[in-house]
């Protein structure tokens, strides 16, 4: 996983891993969630990939748009 840049300074996201059709997100508490094209859908996943690469806004996006709509908790 790649460390999340956290440019806003207050994110709960610690790291992420981008795949072809999904993104895995590790939070500060150690929980890892998979968001996939299947759930919550490709539109959300592609937005999340962009935010992850930019290092800002990922935690807010998850809270506002996908919350518990993850494919798996690891």
N, C-alpha and C. Protein backbone atom coordinates (compact mmCIF):
# COMPACT_ATOMS: atom_id res chain seq x y z
N UNK A 1 0.84 -1.19 0.00
CA UNK A 1 0.00 0.00 0.00
C UNK A 1 0.88 1.24 0.00
N UNK A 2 0.33 2.27 -0.56
CA UNK A 2 1.02 3.56 -0.63
C UNK A 2 0.46 4.48 0.45
N UNK A 3 1.33 5.17 1.16
CA UNK A 3 0.88 6.09 2.21
C UNK A 3 0.06 7.21 1.59
N UNK A 4 -1.04 7.54 2.25
CA UNK A 4 -1.89 8.64 1.81
C UNK A 4 -1.24 9.95 2.23
N UNK A 5 -1.13 10.90 1.31
CA UNK A 5 -0.42 12.16 1.58
C UNK A 5 -1.10 13.02 2.64
N UNK A 6 -2.40 12.93 2.77
CA UNK A 6 -3.14 13.66 3.81
C UNK A 6 -2.79 15.15 3.81
N UNK A 7 -2.89 15.78 2.66
CA UNK A 7 -2.55 17.19 2.53
C UNK A 7 -3.44 18.10 3.36
N UNK A 8 -4.65 17.65 3.67
CA UNK A 8 -5.55 18.44 4.52
C UNK A 8 -5.20 18.34 5.99
N UNK A 9 -4.44 17.30 6.36
CA UNK A 9 -3.96 17.16 7.73
C UNK A 9 -4.90 16.52 8.72
N UNK A 10 -6.12 16.18 8.32
CA UNK A 10 -7.07 15.64 9.30
C UNK A 10 -7.80 14.38 8.81
N UNK A 11 -7.18 13.64 7.91
CA UNK A 11 -7.83 12.46 7.34
C UNK A 11 -7.68 11.24 8.21
N UNK A 12 -8.69 10.39 8.16
CA UNK A 12 -8.63 9.08 8.82
C UNK A 12 -8.00 8.03 7.91
N UNK A 13 -7.74 8.40 6.65
CA UNK A 13 -7.12 7.47 5.70
C UNK A 13 -5.62 7.45 5.93
N UNK A 14 -5.06 6.25 6.04
CA UNK A 14 -3.62 6.09 6.25
C UNK A 14 -2.90 5.69 4.96
N UNK A 15 -3.53 4.82 4.17
CA UNK A 15 -2.87 4.30 2.97
C UNK A 15 -3.92 3.78 2.00
N UNK A 16 -3.48 3.54 0.77
CA UNK A 16 -4.38 3.04 -0.26
C UNK A 16 -3.61 2.20 -1.26
N UNK A 17 -4.35 1.37 -1.99
CA UNK A 17 -3.78 0.56 -3.06
C UNK A 17 -4.77 0.55 -4.21
N UNK A 18 -4.33 1.03 -5.36
CA UNK A 18 -5.20 1.13 -6.52
C UNK A 18 -5.04 -0.10 -7.40
N UNK A 19 -6.17 -0.69 -7.77
CA UNK A 19 -6.20 -1.80 -8.70
C UNK A 19 -6.94 -1.39 -9.96
N UNK A 20 -7.02 -2.28 -10.92
CA UNK A 20 -7.71 -1.97 -12.17
C UNK A 20 -9.16 -1.61 -11.97
N UNK A 21 -9.85 -2.38 -11.13
CA UNK A 21 -11.29 -2.16 -10.95
C UNK A 21 -11.68 -1.96 -9.49
N UNK A 22 -10.75 -1.39 -8.72
CA UNK A 22 -11.05 -1.13 -7.33
C UNK A 22 -9.95 -0.37 -6.62
N UNK A 23 -10.23 -0.06 -5.37
CA UNK A 23 -9.24 0.60 -4.52
C UNK A 23 -9.41 0.05 -3.11
N UNK A 24 -8.29 -0.29 -2.49
CA UNK A 24 -8.27 -0.70 -1.09
C UNK A 24 -7.82 0.49 -0.28
N UNK A 25 -8.51 0.75 0.82
CA UNK A 25 -8.21 1.90 1.66
C UNK A 25 -7.98 1.41 3.08
N UNK A 26 -6.83 1.76 3.65
CA UNK A 26 -6.55 1.45 5.06
C UNK A 26 -6.71 2.72 5.87
N UNK A 27 -7.48 2.62 6.93
CA UNK A 27 -7.72 3.75 7.81
C UNK A 27 -6.75 3.74 8.98
N UNK A 28 -6.68 4.83 9.69
CA UNK A 28 -5.75 4.98 10.81
C UNK A 28 -5.94 3.89 11.86
N UNK A 29 -7.15 3.38 12.02
CA UNK A 29 -7.41 2.33 13.02
C UNK A 29 -6.99 0.93 12.55
N UNK A 30 -6.46 0.85 11.32
CA UNK A 30 -5.98 -0.42 10.78
C UNK A 30 -6.98 -1.17 9.92
N UNK A 31 -8.23 -0.75 9.92
CA UNK A 31 -9.25 -1.40 9.10
C UNK A 31 -8.97 -1.13 7.62
N UNK A 32 -9.15 -2.17 6.79
CA UNK A 32 -8.94 -2.06 5.36
C UNK A 32 -10.24 -2.41 4.65
N UNK A 33 -10.65 -1.53 3.74
CA UNK A 33 -11.87 -1.73 2.98
C UNK A 33 -11.56 -1.75 1.50
N UNK A 34 -12.26 -2.63 0.79
CA UNK A 34 -12.17 -2.70 -0.66
C UNK A 34 -13.42 -2.06 -1.25
N UNK A 35 -13.20 -1.11 -2.14
CA UNK A 35 -14.28 -0.48 -2.91
C UNK A 35 -14.05 -0.89 -4.36
N UNK A 36 -15.07 -1.46 -5.00
CA UNK A 36 -14.87 -2.03 -6.33
C UNK A 36 -15.88 -1.48 -7.33
N UNK A 37 -15.64 -1.81 -8.59
CA UNK A 37 -16.59 -1.44 -9.63
C UNK A 37 -17.95 -2.06 -9.35
N UNK A 38 -17.96 -3.23 -8.72
CA UNK A 38 -19.22 -3.88 -8.37
C UNK A 38 -19.97 -3.14 -7.27
N UNK A 39 -19.24 -2.68 -6.28
CA UNK A 39 -19.82 -1.96 -5.15
C UNK A 39 -18.76 -1.06 -4.56
N UNK A 40 -18.88 0.20 -4.60
CA UNK A 40 -20.06 1.03 -4.85
C UNK A 40 -20.27 1.43 -6.30
N UNK A 41 -19.41 0.99 -7.22
CA UNK A 41 -19.57 1.31 -8.63
C UNK A 41 -18.36 2.03 -9.19
N UNK A 42 -18.20 1.94 -10.50
CA UNK A 42 -17.00 2.48 -11.16
C UNK A 42 -16.87 3.99 -11.01
N UNK A 43 -17.98 4.71 -11.06
CA UNK A 43 -17.91 6.18 -10.93
C UNK A 43 -17.27 6.57 -9.60
N UNK A 44 -17.74 5.97 -8.52
CA UNK A 44 -17.19 6.28 -7.20
C UNK A 44 -15.73 5.84 -7.09
N UNK A 45 -15.44 4.66 -7.58
CA UNK A 45 -14.07 4.15 -7.49
C UNK A 45 -13.10 5.04 -8.24
N UNK A 46 -13.46 5.47 -9.42
CA UNK A 46 -12.57 6.34 -10.19
C UNK A 46 -12.37 7.69 -9.49
N UNK A 47 -13.42 8.22 -8.88
CA UNK A 47 -13.28 9.46 -8.09
C UNK A 47 -12.33 9.23 -6.91
N UNK A 48 -12.48 8.11 -6.24
CA UNK A 48 -11.65 7.79 -5.09
C UNK A 48 -10.19 7.62 -5.49
N UNK A 49 -9.95 7.01 -6.65
CA UNK A 49 -8.57 6.86 -7.14
C UNK A 49 -7.93 8.23 -7.35
N UNK A 50 -8.66 9.14 -7.96
CA UNK A 50 -8.13 10.49 -8.20
C UNK A 50 -7.83 11.20 -6.89
N UNK A 51 -8.74 11.13 -5.95
CA UNK A 51 -8.53 11.78 -4.66
C UNK A 51 -7.36 11.16 -3.91
N UNK A 52 -7.23 9.85 -3.98
CA UNK A 52 -6.11 9.17 -3.32
C UNK A 52 -4.78 9.64 -3.89
N UNK A 53 -4.70 9.69 -5.21
CA UNK A 53 -3.46 10.15 -5.85
C UNK A 53 -3.15 11.59 -5.51
N UNK A 54 -4.19 12.42 -5.40
CA UNK A 54 -3.99 13.84 -5.07
C UNK A 54 -3.69 14.06 -3.60
N UNK A 55 -4.00 13.09 -2.75
CA UNK A 55 -3.69 13.18 -1.33
C UNK A 55 -4.58 14.09 -0.53
N UNK A 56 -5.76 14.37 -1.06
CA UNK A 56 -6.69 15.24 -0.34
C UNK A 56 -8.13 14.91 -0.72
N UNK A 57 -9.02 14.86 0.28
CA UNK A 57 -10.44 14.70 0.04
C UNK A 57 -10.98 13.28 0.06
N UNK A 58 -10.14 12.28 0.18
CA UNK A 58 -10.61 10.90 0.11
C UNK A 58 -11.52 10.54 1.28
N UNK A 59 -11.12 10.84 2.48
CA UNK A 59 -11.93 10.51 3.65
C UNK A 59 -13.29 11.21 3.59
N UNK A 60 -13.30 12.46 3.22
CA UNK A 60 -14.56 13.21 3.10
C UNK A 60 -15.46 12.59 2.03
N UNK A 61 -14.88 12.22 0.91
CA UNK A 61 -15.65 11.61 -0.17
C UNK A 61 -16.29 10.31 0.30
N UNK A 62 -15.50 9.49 0.97
CA UNK A 62 -16.03 8.22 1.48
C UNK A 62 -17.19 8.48 2.43
N UNK A 63 -17.01 9.40 3.36
CA UNK A 63 -18.06 9.70 4.34
C UNK A 63 -19.32 10.25 3.70
N UNK A 64 -19.19 11.07 2.68
CA UNK A 64 -20.34 11.69 2.04
C UNK A 64 -21.04 10.79 1.02
N UNK A 65 -20.29 9.95 0.33
CA UNK A 65 -20.84 9.27 -0.84
C UNK A 65 -20.94 7.75 -0.78
N UNK A 66 -20.02 7.08 -0.13
CA UNK A 66 -20.03 5.62 -0.18
C UNK A 66 -20.14 4.95 1.18
N UNK A 67 -19.84 5.64 2.20
CA UNK A 67 -19.95 5.19 3.59
C UNK A 67 -19.81 3.67 3.76
N UNK A 68 -20.90 2.95 3.85
CA UNK A 68 -20.86 1.50 4.08
C UNK A 68 -21.06 0.71 2.80
N UNK A 69 -20.94 1.35 1.67
CA UNK A 69 -21.11 0.69 0.37
C UNK A 69 -19.79 0.14 -0.13
N UNK A 70 -19.12 -0.65 0.68
CA UNK A 70 -17.85 -1.26 0.28
C UNK A 70 -18.07 -2.70 -0.14
N UNK A 71 -17.16 -3.21 -0.95
CA UNK A 71 -17.27 -4.59 -1.45
C UNK A 71 -16.85 -5.59 -0.38
N UNK A 72 -15.83 -5.23 0.42
CA UNK A 72 -15.33 -6.14 1.44
C UNK A 72 -14.58 -5.36 2.51
N UNK A 73 -14.62 -5.91 3.72
CA UNK A 73 -13.77 -5.40 4.79
C UNK A 73 -12.75 -6.48 5.06
N UNK A 74 -11.48 -6.10 5.06
CA UNK A 74 -10.42 -7.09 5.20
C UNK A 74 -9.83 -7.07 6.59
